[in-house]
Amino acid sequence: MSDTTLRILLPIYCLAFGAVCFLWRTLRFRRAYGKNPIITGRIDTPHGFLGAIASLLSPAIGFVTLLFAASPERYVAWMRPFSWYGSTAARWFGAATLAGALALAAVAQAQMGPSWRVGIDTTERTAIVRHGLYRHSRNPIYLGLILIGIGYLLILPDPFTLVICVQGWTVFQLLVRLEEQHMRSLHGVEFEAYCRQTPRWLFW
């Protein structure tokens, strides 16, 4: 996969992910259920603070995408990519990972239905979602977001994307545990049984 192709595809991917998994999903949710699924937590709470850190991931990915799209030569000069930069296998595997991440996140959001939230909703008793992807993973949306970091690290491997990947992995691990704590407080033994039946991620 050439630089020219990636300079076109990566910005399109960023726009598509934002449009499908954030803008369109939010508008559709509001239209269907008459409420805002975006829960803005206070930054002085653990979930609000982690959410603020997670919100930095999108502009960080946007920055490296635009830098590469504007000039691969400048990207190389500024970001000092790792040795596998330009590898055809890494680029194709990274592109497949990004495509899979978009599909995974979009389908998982749709399958959550009225239980989908960005953040922790303390005003409503959201249901445990067990069907579809949620039979195999308790957190397929977060899994998709983690895969985006991995896909970018394969295509644009540099210290900056490595930090994005590690930061995303760490923040989502912590967010998941806070949200699980909330679900335990809502559903008790029913949620514990779901945790025993379904792994947090995929195989663990």
N, C-alpha and C. Protein backbone atom coordinates (compact mmCIF):
# COMPACT_ATOMS: atom_id res chain seq x y z
N MET A 1 0.84 -1.19 0.00
CA MET A 1 0.00 0.00 0.00
C MET A 1 0.88 1.24 0.00
N SER A 2 0.70 2.11 -0.95
CA SER A 2 1.59 3.24 -1.16
C SER A 2 1.27 4.41 -0.24
N ASP A 3 2.24 5.34 -0.13
CA ASP A 3 2.01 6.56 0.63
C ASP A 3 0.82 7.34 0.07
N THR A 4 0.72 7.40 -1.26
CA THR A 4 -0.36 8.14 -1.89
C THR A 4 -1.73 7.61 -1.48
N THR A 5 -1.85 6.29 -1.48
CA THR A 5 -3.12 5.67 -1.08
C THR A 5 -3.44 5.97 0.37
N LEU A 6 -2.45 5.84 1.24
CA LEU A 6 -2.68 6.08 2.66
C LEU A 6 -2.98 7.54 2.96
N ARG A 7 -2.39 8.44 2.19
CA ARG A 7 -2.67 9.87 2.41
C ARG A 7 -4.14 10.20 2.15
N ILE A 8 -4.79 9.38 1.33
CA ILE A 8 -6.21 9.56 1.06
C ILE A 8 -7.07 8.77 2.06
N LEU A 9 -6.68 7.51 2.30
CA LEU A 9 -7.52 6.62 3.09
C LEU A 9 -7.55 6.98 4.58
N LEU A 10 -6.42 7.38 5.15
CA LEU A 10 -6.40 7.65 6.58
C LEU A 10 -7.29 8.83 6.99
N PRO A 11 -7.25 9.96 6.28
CA PRO A 11 -8.20 11.03 6.63
C PRO A 11 -9.65 10.61 6.43
N ILE A 12 -9.93 9.85 5.36
CA ILE A 12 -11.29 9.37 5.14
C ILE A 12 -11.72 8.47 6.30
N TYR A 13 -10.80 7.64 6.77
CA TYR A 13 -11.12 6.74 7.88
C TYR A 13 -11.47 7.54 9.14
N CYS A 14 -10.68 8.55 9.45
CA CYS A 14 -10.96 9.37 10.64
C CYS A 14 -12.33 10.02 10.54
N LEU A 15 -12.64 10.58 9.37
CA LEU A 15 -13.95 11.22 9.18
C LEU A 15 -15.07 10.19 9.28
N ALA A 16 -14.87 9.02 8.69
CA ALA A 16 -15.90 7.98 8.71
C ALA A 16 -16.16 7.50 10.13
N PHE A 17 -15.09 7.30 10.89
CA PHE A 17 -15.27 6.82 12.26
C PHE A 17 -16.02 7.85 13.09
N GLY A 18 -15.62 9.12 12.98
CA GLY A 18 -16.31 10.17 13.73
C GLY A 18 -17.77 10.30 13.32
N ALA A 19 -18.04 10.18 12.02
CA ALA A 19 -19.40 10.34 11.52
C ALA A 19 -20.29 9.16 11.94
N VAL A 20 -19.76 7.94 11.78
CA VAL A 20 -20.57 6.74 12.03
C VAL A 20 -20.72 6.46 13.53
N CYS A 21 -19.60 6.48 14.24
CA CYS A 21 -19.59 6.02 15.63
C CYS A 21 -19.85 7.12 16.65
N PHE A 22 -19.86 8.36 16.23
CA PHE A 22 -20.14 9.43 17.17
C PHE A 22 -21.34 10.28 16.72
N LEU A 23 -21.18 11.00 15.62
CA LEU A 23 -22.22 11.94 15.20
C LEU A 23 -23.53 11.23 14.86
N TRP A 24 -23.47 10.28 13.90
CA TRP A 24 -24.69 9.60 13.46
C TRP A 24 -25.30 8.79 14.60
N ARG A 25 -24.47 8.07 15.36
CA ARG A 25 -25.00 7.25 16.45
C ARG A 25 -25.66 8.12 17.52
N THR A 26 -25.05 9.27 17.84
CA THR A 26 -25.63 10.16 18.84
C THR A 26 -26.96 10.74 18.37
N LEU A 27 -27.01 11.20 17.12
CA LEU A 27 -28.25 11.76 16.59
C LEU A 27 -29.35 10.70 16.52
N ARG A 28 -28.98 9.50 16.11
CA ARG A 28 -29.96 8.41 16.01
C ARG A 28 -30.49 8.04 17.40
N PHE A 29 -29.61 8.02 18.38
CA PHE A 29 -30.02 7.70 19.75
C PHE A 29 -30.99 8.75 20.27
N ARG A 30 -30.66 10.02 20.05
CA ARG A 30 -31.54 11.10 20.51
C ARG A 30 -32.91 11.01 19.86
N ARG A 31 -32.92 10.70 18.57
CA ARG A 31 -34.18 10.62 17.85
C ARG A 31 -35.02 9.43 18.34
N ALA A 32 -34.33 8.32 18.63
CA ALA A 32 -35.05 7.11 19.02
C ALA A 32 -35.51 7.14 20.47
N TYR A 33 -34.69 7.70 21.36
CA TYR A 33 -34.98 7.59 22.79
C TYR A 33 -35.20 8.93 23.48
N GLY A 34 -35.01 10.03 22.75
CA GLY A 34 -35.30 11.34 23.30
C GLY A 34 -34.40 11.79 24.41
N LYS A 35 -33.15 11.31 24.42
CA LYS A 35 -32.22 11.71 25.47
C LYS A 35 -30.81 11.77 24.90
N ASN A 36 -29.93 12.43 25.63
CA ASN A 36 -28.54 12.58 25.21
C ASN A 36 -27.71 11.42 25.77
N PRO A 37 -27.06 10.63 24.91
CA PRO A 37 -26.27 9.51 25.42
C PRO A 37 -24.88 9.92 25.93
N ILE A 38 -24.50 11.17 25.69
CA ILE A 38 -23.18 11.64 26.10
C ILE A 38 -23.27 12.16 27.53
N ILE A 39 -22.65 11.45 28.45
CA ILE A 39 -22.66 11.82 29.86
C ILE A 39 -21.35 12.52 30.18
N THR A 40 -21.42 13.79 30.48
CA THR A 40 -20.21 14.55 30.79
C THR A 40 -19.93 14.47 32.28
N GLY A 41 -18.89 13.72 32.62
CA GLY A 41 -18.53 13.58 34.04
C GLY A 41 -17.65 14.72 34.51
N ARG A 42 -17.75 15.01 35.78
CA ARG A 42 -16.89 16.05 36.37
C ARG A 42 -15.45 15.57 36.36
N ILE A 43 -14.53 16.48 36.03
CA ILE A 43 -13.14 16.08 35.88
C ILE A 43 -12.49 15.74 37.22
N ASP A 44 -13.13 16.12 38.32
CA ASP A 44 -12.57 15.78 39.63
C ASP A 44 -13.04 14.40 40.11
N THR A 45 -13.77 13.67 39.27
CA THR A 45 -14.12 12.28 39.58
C THR A 45 -13.22 11.36 38.75
N PRO A 46 -12.99 10.13 39.22
CA PRO A 46 -12.12 9.22 38.45
C PRO A 46 -12.58 9.01 37.01
N HIS A 47 -13.88 8.76 36.81
CA HIS A 47 -14.37 8.51 35.45
C HIS A 47 -14.29 9.77 34.60
N GLY A 48 -14.62 10.91 35.18
CA GLY A 48 -14.54 12.16 34.43
C GLY A 48 -13.12 12.49 34.03
N PHE A 49 -12.17 12.24 34.93
CA PHE A 49 -10.76 12.52 34.63
C PHE A 49 -10.25 11.60 33.53
N LEU A 50 -10.57 10.32 33.63
CA LEU A 50 -10.14 9.38 32.59
C LEU A 50 -10.82 9.68 31.26
N GLY A 51 -12.08 10.10 31.32
CA GLY A 51 -12.77 10.47 30.10
C GLY A 51 -12.11 11.66 29.42
N ALA A 52 -11.64 12.61 30.23
CA ALA A 52 -10.94 13.77 29.66
C ALA A 52 -9.64 13.35 28.98
N ILE A 53 -8.93 12.41 29.59
CA ILE A 53 -7.70 11.90 28.97
C ILE A 53 -8.03 11.17 27.67
N ALA A 54 -9.09 10.34 27.71
CA ALA A 54 -9.48 9.59 26.51
C ALA A 54 -9.88 10.53 25.38
N SER A 55 -10.44 11.68 25.72
CA SER A 55 -10.87 12.63 24.68
C SER A 55 -9.69 13.23 23.93
N LEU A 56 -8.48 13.10 24.47
CA LEU A 56 -7.30 13.61 23.79
C LEU A 56 -6.81 12.67 22.69
N LEU A 57 -7.29 11.43 22.70
CA LEU A 57 -6.81 10.43 21.73
C LEU A 57 -7.23 10.78 20.31
N SER A 58 -8.46 11.24 20.14
CA SER A 58 -8.94 11.57 18.79
C SER A 58 -8.14 12.70 18.14
N PRO A 59 -7.94 13.85 18.82
CA PRO A 59 -7.11 14.88 18.19
C PRO A 59 -5.67 14.45 17.98
N ALA A 60 -5.15 13.57 18.84
CA ALA A 60 -3.79 13.09 18.65
C ALA A 60 -3.69 12.25 17.37
N ILE A 61 -4.65 11.38 17.16
CA ILE A 61 -4.68 10.58 15.93
C ILE A 61 -4.91 11.49 14.72
N GLY A 62 -5.78 12.48 14.89
CA GLY A 62 -6.00 13.43 13.81
C GLY A 62 -4.75 14.18 13.43
N PHE A 63 -3.95 14.55 14.42
CA PHE A 63 -2.71 15.27 14.15
C PHE A 63 -1.74 14.45 13.31
N VAL A 64 -1.50 13.20 13.73
CA VAL A 64 -0.52 12.38 13.00
C VAL A 64 -1.06 12.03 11.61
N THR A 65 -2.39 11.88 11.49
CA THR A 65 -3.00 11.61 10.19
C THR A 65 -2.80 12.78 9.25
N LEU A 66 -3.08 13.98 9.72
CA LEU A 66 -2.95 15.17 8.87
C LEU A 66 -1.49 15.46 8.53
N LEU A 67 -0.60 15.21 9.47
CA LEU A 67 0.83 15.42 9.19
C LEU A 67 1.29 14.51 8.07
N PHE A 68 0.92 13.24 8.15
CA PHE A 68 1.31 12.29 7.11
C PHE A 68 0.63 12.63 5.79
N ALA A 69 -0.66 12.99 5.84
CA ALA A 69 -1.38 13.31 4.61
C ALA A 69 -0.79 14.54 3.93
N ALA A 70 -0.33 15.51 4.71
CA ALA A 70 0.24 16.73 4.14
C ALA A 70 1.60 16.47 3.52
N SER A 71 2.41 15.63 4.19
CA SER A 71 3.76 15.38 3.68
C SER A 71 4.38 14.17 4.37
N PRO A 72 4.43 13.02 3.69
CA PRO A 72 5.11 11.86 4.28
C PRO A 72 6.57 12.16 4.63
N GLU A 73 7.22 12.98 3.83
CA GLU A 73 8.61 13.33 4.11
C GLU A 73 8.73 14.09 5.42
N ARG A 74 7.82 15.03 5.64
CA ARG A 74 7.84 15.78 6.89
C ARG A 74 7.47 14.88 8.06
N TYR A 75 6.55 13.96 7.84
CA TYR A 75 6.21 12.99 8.89
C TYR A 75 7.45 12.22 9.32
N VAL A 76 8.21 11.73 8.35
CA VAL A 76 9.42 10.96 8.66
C VAL A 76 10.42 11.82 9.40
N ALA A 77 10.60 13.07 8.96
CA ALA A 77 11.59 13.96 9.57
C ALA A 77 11.19 14.34 11.00
N TRP A 78 9.91 14.55 11.22
CA TRP A 78 9.46 15.00 12.55
C TRP A 78 9.24 13.86 13.53
N MET A 79 8.67 12.75 13.05
CA MET A 79 8.22 11.70 13.96
C MET A 79 9.21 10.55 14.13
N ARG A 80 10.21 10.48 13.25
CA ARG A 80 11.26 9.44 13.34
C ARG A 80 10.65 8.04 13.53
N PRO A 81 9.98 7.52 12.48
CA PRO A 81 9.28 6.23 12.60
C PRO A 81 10.23 5.07 12.85
N PHE A 82 9.65 4.00 13.36
CA PHE A 82 10.40 2.78 13.66
C PHE A 82 10.76 2.04 12.38
N SER A 83 11.52 0.97 12.54
CA SER A 83 12.13 0.29 11.39
C SER A 83 11.12 -0.32 10.42
N TRP A 84 9.93 -0.69 10.90
CA TRP A 84 8.96 -1.32 9.98
C TRP A 84 8.11 -0.31 9.21
N TYR A 85 8.41 0.97 9.36
CA TYR A 85 7.68 1.97 8.59
C TYR A 85 7.84 1.69 7.09
N GLY A 86 6.75 1.69 6.37
CA GLY A 86 6.77 1.42 4.94
C GLY A 86 6.61 -0.04 4.58
N SER A 87 6.60 -0.93 5.59
CA SER A 87 6.43 -2.35 5.32
C SER A 87 5.05 -2.60 4.72
N THR A 88 5.01 -3.28 3.57
CA THR A 88 3.74 -3.57 2.91
C THR A 88 2.85 -4.44 3.78
N ALA A 89 3.44 -5.46 4.41
CA ALA A 89 2.65 -6.36 5.26
C ALA A 89 2.06 -5.61 6.45
N ALA A 90 2.88 -4.76 7.08
CA ALA A 90 2.40 -4.01 8.24
C ALA A 90 1.28 -3.06 7.84
N ARG A 91 1.42 -2.44 6.69
CA ARG A 91 0.39 -1.49 6.25
C ARG A 91 -0.93 -2.19 5.94
N TRP A 92 -0.87 -3.33 5.26
CA TRP A 92 -2.10 -4.04 4.95
C TRP A 92 -2.75 -4.62 6.20
N PHE A 93 -1.93 -5.14 7.11
CA PHE A 93 -2.47 -5.68 8.35
C PHE A 93 -3.06 -4.55 9.20
N GLY A 94 -2.38 -3.40 9.21
CA GLY A 94 -2.90 -2.25 9.93
C GLY A 94 -4.20 -1.75 9.35
N ALA A 95 -4.30 -1.71 8.02
CA ALA A 95 -5.54 -1.27 7.37
C ALA A 95 -6.69 -2.22 7.69
N ALA A 96 -6.40 -3.52 7.68
CA ALA A 96 -7.43 -4.50 8.02
C ALA A 96 -7.87 -4.35 9.48
N THR A 97 -6.91 -4.06 10.36
CA THR A 97 -7.23 -3.85 11.77
C THR A 97 -8.12 -2.63 11.95
N LEU A 98 -7.81 -1.54 11.24
CA LEU A 98 -8.64 -0.33 11.33
C LEU A 98 -10.05 -0.58 10.81
N ALA A 99 -10.16 -1.28 9.70
CA ALA A 99 -11.48 -1.58 9.15
C ALA A 99 -12.29 -2.44 10.11
N GLY A 100 -11.63 -3.45 10.68
CA GLY A 100 -12.30 -4.31 11.65
C GLY A 100 -12.72 -3.54 12.90
N ALA A 101 -11.89 -2.58 13.33
CA ALA A 101 -12.21 -1.79 14.52
C ALA A 101 -13.44 -0.94 14.29
N LEU A 102 -13.54 -0.34 13.11
CA LEU A 102 -14.72 0.47 12.78
C LEU A 102 -15.98 -0.38 12.77
N ALA A 103 -15.91 -1.53 12.12
CA ALA A 103 -17.08 -2.41 12.06
C ALA A 103 -17.46 -2.90 13.46
N LEU A 104 -16.46 -3.28 14.25
CA LEU A 104 -16.71 -3.79 15.60
C LEU A 104 -17.39 -2.74 16.46
N ALA A 105 -16.85 -1.52 16.46
CA ALA A 105 -17.42 -0.47 17.30
C ALA A 105 -18.82 -0.09 16.84
N ALA A 106 -19.03 0.03 15.53
CA ALA A 106 -20.34 0.43 15.01
C ALA A 106 -21.41 -0.61 15.33
N VAL A 107 -21.10 -1.87 15.11
CA VAL A 107 -22.08 -2.94 15.38
C VAL A 107 -22.35 -3.03 16.88
N ALA A 108 -21.30 -2.94 17.70
CA ALA A 108 -21.48 -3.04 19.14
C ALA A 108 -22.33 -1.89 19.68
N GLN A 109 -22.14 -0.69 19.14
CA GLN A 109 -22.97 0.44 19.56
C GLN A 109 -24.43 0.19 19.22
N ALA A 110 -24.68 -0.29 18.01
CA ALA A 110 -26.06 -0.55 17.60
C ALA A 110 -26.70 -1.62 18.47
N GLN A 111 -25.94 -2.65 18.82
CA GLN A 111 -26.48 -3.75 19.62
C GLN A 111 -26.78 -3.35 21.06
N MET A 112 -26.16 -2.29 21.54
CA MET A 112 -26.46 -1.82 22.90
C MET A 112 -27.83 -1.18 22.99
N GLY A 113 -28.33 -0.67 21.86
CA GLY A 113 -29.66 -0.07 21.86
C GLY A 113 -29.78 1.06 22.88
N PRO A 114 -30.85 1.07 23.69
CA PRO A 114 -31.05 2.15 24.65
C PRO A 114 -30.05 2.15 25.81
N SER A 115 -29.25 1.10 25.95
CA SER A 115 -28.27 1.05 27.04
C SER A 115 -26.97 1.75 26.68
N TRP A 116 -26.80 2.14 25.41
CA TRP A 116 -25.54 2.77 25.00
C TRP A 116 -25.38 4.14 25.66
N ARG A 117 -24.22 4.36 26.25
CA ARG A 117 -23.86 5.65 26.81
C ARG A 117 -22.38 5.90 26.58
N VAL A 118 -22.02 7.17 26.51
CA VAL A 118 -20.61 7.56 26.59
C VAL A 118 -20.45 8.18 27.97
N GLY A 119 -19.89 7.41 28.89
CA GLY A 119 -19.83 7.83 30.28
C GLY A 119 -20.76 6.99 31.14
N ILE A 120 -20.79 7.29 32.43
CA ILE A 120 -21.62 6.55 33.37
C ILE A 120 -22.88 7.35 33.68
N ASP A 121 -24.03 6.76 33.39
CA ASP A 121 -25.32 7.40 33.62
C ASP A 121 -25.85 6.95 34.98
N THR A 122 -25.83 7.86 35.95
CA THR A 122 -26.30 7.52 37.29
C THR A 122 -27.78 7.84 37.48
N THR A 123 -28.42 8.33 36.42
CA THR A 123 -29.83 8.73 36.54
C THR A 123 -30.79 7.65 36.04
N GLU A 124 -30.25 6.58 35.44
CA GLU A 124 -31.14 5.57 34.84
C GLU A 124 -30.53 4.19 35.03
N ARG A 125 -31.38 3.20 35.20
CA ARG A 125 -30.93 1.81 35.36
C ARG A 125 -30.83 1.16 33.97
N THR A 126 -29.68 1.27 33.35
CA THR A 126 -29.49 0.68 32.02
C THR A 126 -29.38 -0.84 32.14
N ALA A 127 -29.88 -1.53 31.12
CA ALA A 127 -29.93 -2.99 31.14
C ALA A 127 -28.58 -3.59 30.78
N ILE A 128 -28.37 -4.83 31.21
CA ILE A 128 -27.20 -5.59 30.78
C ILE A 128 -27.46 -6.11 29.37
N VAL A 129 -26.55 -5.84 28.45
CA VAL A 129 -26.69 -6.29 27.07
C VAL A 129 -25.92 -7.61 26.94
N ARG A 130 -26.59 -8.65 26.49
CA ARG A 130 -25.98 -9.99 26.43
C ARG A 130 -25.96 -10.58 25.03
N HIS A 131 -26.66 -9.97 24.08
CA HIS A 131 -26.80 -10.59 22.76
C HIS A 131 -25.72 -10.10 21.81
N GLY A 132 -25.66 -10.73 20.63
CA GLY A 132 -24.73 -10.32 19.59
C GLY A 132 -23.29 -10.41 20.04
N LEU A 133 -22.54 -9.36 19.79
CA LEU A 133 -21.13 -9.33 20.16
C LEU A 133 -20.92 -9.45 21.66
N TYR A 134 -21.94 -9.07 22.43
CA TYR A 134 -21.82 -9.07 23.88
C TYR A 134 -21.93 -10.47 24.47
N ARG A 135 -22.17 -11.46 23.64
CA ARG A 135 -22.06 -12.86 24.09
C ARG A 135 -20.61 -13.29 24.15
N HIS A 136 -19.74 -12.59 23.44
CA HIS A 136 -18.33 -12.99 23.32
C HIS A 136 -17.37 -12.02 24.02
N SER A 137 -17.81 -10.80 24.24
CA SER A 137 -16.98 -9.79 24.90
C SER A 137 -17.89 -8.82 25.64
N ARG A 138 -17.50 -8.47 26.86
CA ARG A 138 -18.30 -7.51 27.61
C ARG A 138 -18.05 -6.08 27.15
N ASN A 139 -16.98 -5.87 26.41
CA ASN A 139 -16.60 -4.50 26.02
C ASN A 139 -16.14 -4.40 24.56
N PRO A 140 -16.98 -4.80 23.61
CA PRO A 140 -16.53 -4.77 22.21
C PRO A 140 -16.28 -3.36 21.67
N ILE A 141 -16.95 -2.34 22.21
CA ILE A 141 -16.69 -0.98 21.74
C ILE A 141 -15.29 -0.55 22.14
N TYR A 142 -14.95 -0.74 23.41
CA TYR A 142 -13.60 -0.39 23.86
C TYR A 142 -12.55 -1.24 23.14
N LEU A 143 -12.88 -2.49 22.87
CA LEU A 143 -11.96 -3.35 22.13
C LEU A 143 -11.69 -2.76 20.75
N GLY A 144 -12.74 -2.27 20.09
CA GLY A 144 -12.56 -1.62 18.80
C GLY A 144 -11.67 -0.39 18.90
N LEU A 145 -11.83 0.41 19.95
CA LEU A 145 -11.01 1.60 20.12
C LEU A 145 -9.54 1.24 20.36
N ILE A 146 -9.31 0.18 21.11
CA ILE A 146 -7.94 -0.27 21.32
C ILE A 146 -7.32 -0.74 20.00
N LEU A 147 -8.11 -1.41 19.17
CA LEU A 147 -7.61 -1.88 17.87
C LEU A 147 -7.25 -0.72 16.94
N ILE A 148 -7.91 0.42 17.09
CA ILE A 148 -7.54 1.58 16.29
C ILE A 148 -6.11 2.00 16.60
N GLY A 149 -5.76 2.04 17.86
CA GLY A 149 -4.38 2.37 18.23
C GLY A 149 -3.38 1.40 17.65
N ILE A 150 -3.71 0.11 17.69
CA ILE A 150 -2.82 -0.91 17.14
C ILE A 150 -2.69 -0.75 15.63
N GLY A 151 -3.82 -0.49 14.96
CA GLY A 151 -3.78 -0.30 13.51
C GLY A 151 -2.92 0.87 13.11
N TYR A 152 -3.04 1.98 13.84
CA TYR A 152 -2.21 3.15 13.53
C TYR A 152 -0.74 2.87 13.80
N LEU A 153 -0.46 2.12 14.86
CA LEU A 153 0.94 1.81 15.17
C LEU A 153 1.57 0.95 14.08
N LEU A 154 0.78 0.13 13.43
CA LEU A 154 1.29 -0.69 12.33
C LEU A 154 1.54 0.16 11.08
N ILE A 155 0.64 1.10 10.81
CA ILE A 155 0.75 1.88 9.58
C ILE A 155 1.71 3.05 9.73
N LEU A 156 1.59 3.77 10.85
CA LEU A 156 2.46 4.92 11.11
C LEU A 156 3.20 4.67 12.42
N PRO A 157 4.21 3.82 12.38
CA PRO A 157 4.89 3.42 13.61
C PRO A 157 5.95 4.45 14.05
N ASP A 158 5.66 5.15 15.10
CA ASP A 158 6.60 6.13 15.62
C ASP A 158 6.36 6.28 17.12
N PRO A 159 7.22 6.98 17.83
CA PRO A 159 7.03 7.12 19.29
C PRO A 159 5.70 7.76 19.66
N PHE A 160 5.20 8.67 18.82
CA PHE A 160 3.94 9.34 19.12
C PHE A 160 2.77 8.37 19.06
N THR A 161 2.68 7.57 18.01
CA THR A 161 1.58 6.61 17.91
C THR A 161 1.73 5.50 18.95
N LEU A 162 2.97 5.19 19.34
CA LEU A 162 3.16 4.21 20.42
C LEU A 162 2.58 4.74 21.72
N VAL A 163 2.79 6.02 22.01
CA VAL A 163 2.21 6.63 23.20
C VAL A 163 0.68 6.60 23.12
N ILE A 164 0.13 6.92 21.94
CA ILE A 164 -1.32 6.87 21.76
C ILE A 164 -1.85 5.46 22.05
N CYS A 165 -1.16 4.46 21.53
CA CYS A 165 -1.58 3.07 21.70
C CYS A 165 -1.54 2.66 23.17
N VAL A 166 -0.45 2.98 23.85
CA VAL A 166 -0.30 2.62 25.27
C VAL A 166 -1.28 3.40 26.13
N GLN A 167 -1.43 4.69 25.84
CA GLN A 167 -2.36 5.52 26.60
C GLN A 167 -3.79 5.01 26.44
N GLY A 168 -4.18 4.70 25.20
CA GLY A 168 -5.52 4.18 24.97
C GLY A 168 -5.76 2.88 25.72
N TRP A 169 -4.81 1.97 25.62
CA TRP A 169 -4.93 0.69 26.31
C TRP A 169 -5.10 0.90 27.81
N THR A 170 -4.28 1.76 28.40
CA THR A 170 -4.32 1.98 29.84
C THR A 170 -5.63 2.65 30.27
N VAL A 171 -6.01 3.71 29.58
CA VAL A 171 -7.21 4.45 29.95
C VAL A 171 -8.46 3.58 29.81
N PHE A 172 -8.55 2.81 28.72
CA PHE A 172 -9.74 1.98 28.52
C PHE A 172 -9.81 0.84 29.52
N GLN A 173 -8.65 0.32 29.93
CA GLN A 173 -8.64 -0.70 30.98
C GLN A 173 -9.24 -0.14 32.27
N LEU A 174 -8.87 1.08 32.61
CA LEU A 174 -9.37 1.70 33.84
C LEU A 174 -10.85 2.08 33.72
N LEU A 175 -11.24 2.64 32.56
CA LEU A 175 -12.64 3.02 32.36
C LEU A 175 -13.55 1.80 32.46
N VAL A 176 -13.13 0.70 31.86
CA VAL A 176 -13.93 -0.52 31.90
C VAL A 176 -14.18 -0.96 33.34
N ARG A 177 -13.16 -0.90 34.16
CA ARG A 177 -13.31 -1.36 35.54
C ARG A 177 -14.23 -0.44 36.35
N LEU A 178 -14.17 0.86 36.08
CA LEU A 178 -15.09 1.78 36.75
C LEU A 178 -16.53 1.52 36.31
N GLU A 179 -16.72 1.27 35.02
CA GLU A 179 -18.07 1.01 34.52
C GLU A 179 -18.60 -0.33 35.02
N GLU A 180 -17.71 -1.31 35.16
CA GLU A 180 -18.14 -2.59 35.73
C GLU A 180 -18.57 -2.43 37.18
N GLN A 181 -17.85 -1.58 37.91
CA GLN A 181 -18.23 -1.31 39.30
C GLN A 181 -19.63 -0.70 39.36
N HIS A 182 -19.92 0.20 38.43
CA HIS A 182 -21.24 0.81 38.36
C HIS A 182 -22.31 -0.24 38.05
N MET A 183 -22.02 -1.12 37.09
CA MET A 183 -22.99 -2.15 36.73
C MET A 183 -23.22 -3.13 37.87
N ARG A 184 -22.19 -3.41 38.65
CA ARG A 184 -22.38 -4.28 39.81
C ARG A 184 -23.30 -3.63 40.83
N SER A 185 -23.17 -2.32 40.99
CA SER A 185 -24.03 -1.63 41.94
C SER A 185 -25.48 -1.62 41.47
N LEU A 186 -25.70 -1.67 40.15
CA LEU A 186 -27.06 -1.68 39.61
C LEU A 186 -27.67 -3.07 39.61
N HIS A 187 -26.88 -4.08 39.22
CA HIS A 187 -27.45 -5.40 38.92
C HIS A 187 -26.96 -6.53 39.83
N GLY A 188 -25.95 -6.26 40.65
CA GLY A 188 -25.51 -7.24 41.63
C GLY A 188 -25.15 -8.59 41.05
N VAL A 189 -25.78 -9.65 41.57
CA VAL A 189 -25.42 -11.01 41.20
C VAL A 189 -25.70 -11.30 39.72
N GLU A 190 -26.67 -10.60 39.15
CA GLU A 190 -26.97 -10.81 37.73
C GLU A 190 -25.78 -10.40 36.87
N PHE A 191 -25.15 -9.28 37.21
CA PHE A 191 -23.97 -8.84 36.45
C PHE A 191 -22.78 -9.74 36.75
N GLU A 192 -22.65 -10.21 37.97
CA GLU A 192 -21.56 -11.13 38.31
C GLU A 192 -21.67 -12.41 37.49
N ALA A 193 -22.90 -12.89 37.30
CA ALA A 193 -23.09 -14.10 36.49
C ALA A 193 -22.69 -13.84 35.04
N TYR A 194 -23.04 -12.67 34.53
CA TYR A 194 -22.64 -12.31 33.16
C TYR A 194 -21.12 -12.25 33.04
N CYS A 195 -20.45 -11.73 34.05
CA CYS A 195 -18.98 -11.64 34.03
C CYS A 195 -18.36 -13.04 34.02
N ARG A 196 -18.97 -13.97 34.71
CA ARG A 196 -18.44 -15.33 34.71
C ARG A 196 -18.63 -16.02 33.37
N GLN A 197 -19.69 -15.67 32.67
CA GLN A 197 -20.01 -16.31 31.39
C GLN A 197 -19.25 -15.69 30.21
N THR A 198 -18.95 -14.39 30.28
CA THR A 198 -18.42 -13.66 29.13
C THR A 198 -17.14 -12.93 29.52
N PRO A 199 -16.06 -13.09 28.75
CA PRO A 199 -14.80 -12.42 29.11
C PRO A 199 -14.89 -10.91 28.98
N ARG A 200 -14.02 -10.24 29.71
CA ARG A 200 -14.01 -8.77 29.66
C ARG A 200 -13.67 -8.28 28.28
N TRP A 201 -12.72 -8.91 27.61
CA TRP A 201 -12.30 -8.47 26.28
C TRP A 201 -12.71 -9.50 25.23
N LEU A 202 -11.94 -10.53 25.08
CA LEU A 202 -12.31 -11.56 24.11
C LEU A 202 -11.94 -12.94 24.63
N PHE A 203 -10.66 -13.08 25.01
CA PHE A 203 -10.20 -14.37 25.53
C PHE A 203 -9.87 -14.32 27.00
N TRP A 204 -10.04 -13.15 27.61
CA TRP A 204 -9.75 -13.04 29.04
C TRP A 204 -10.62 -11.96 29.66
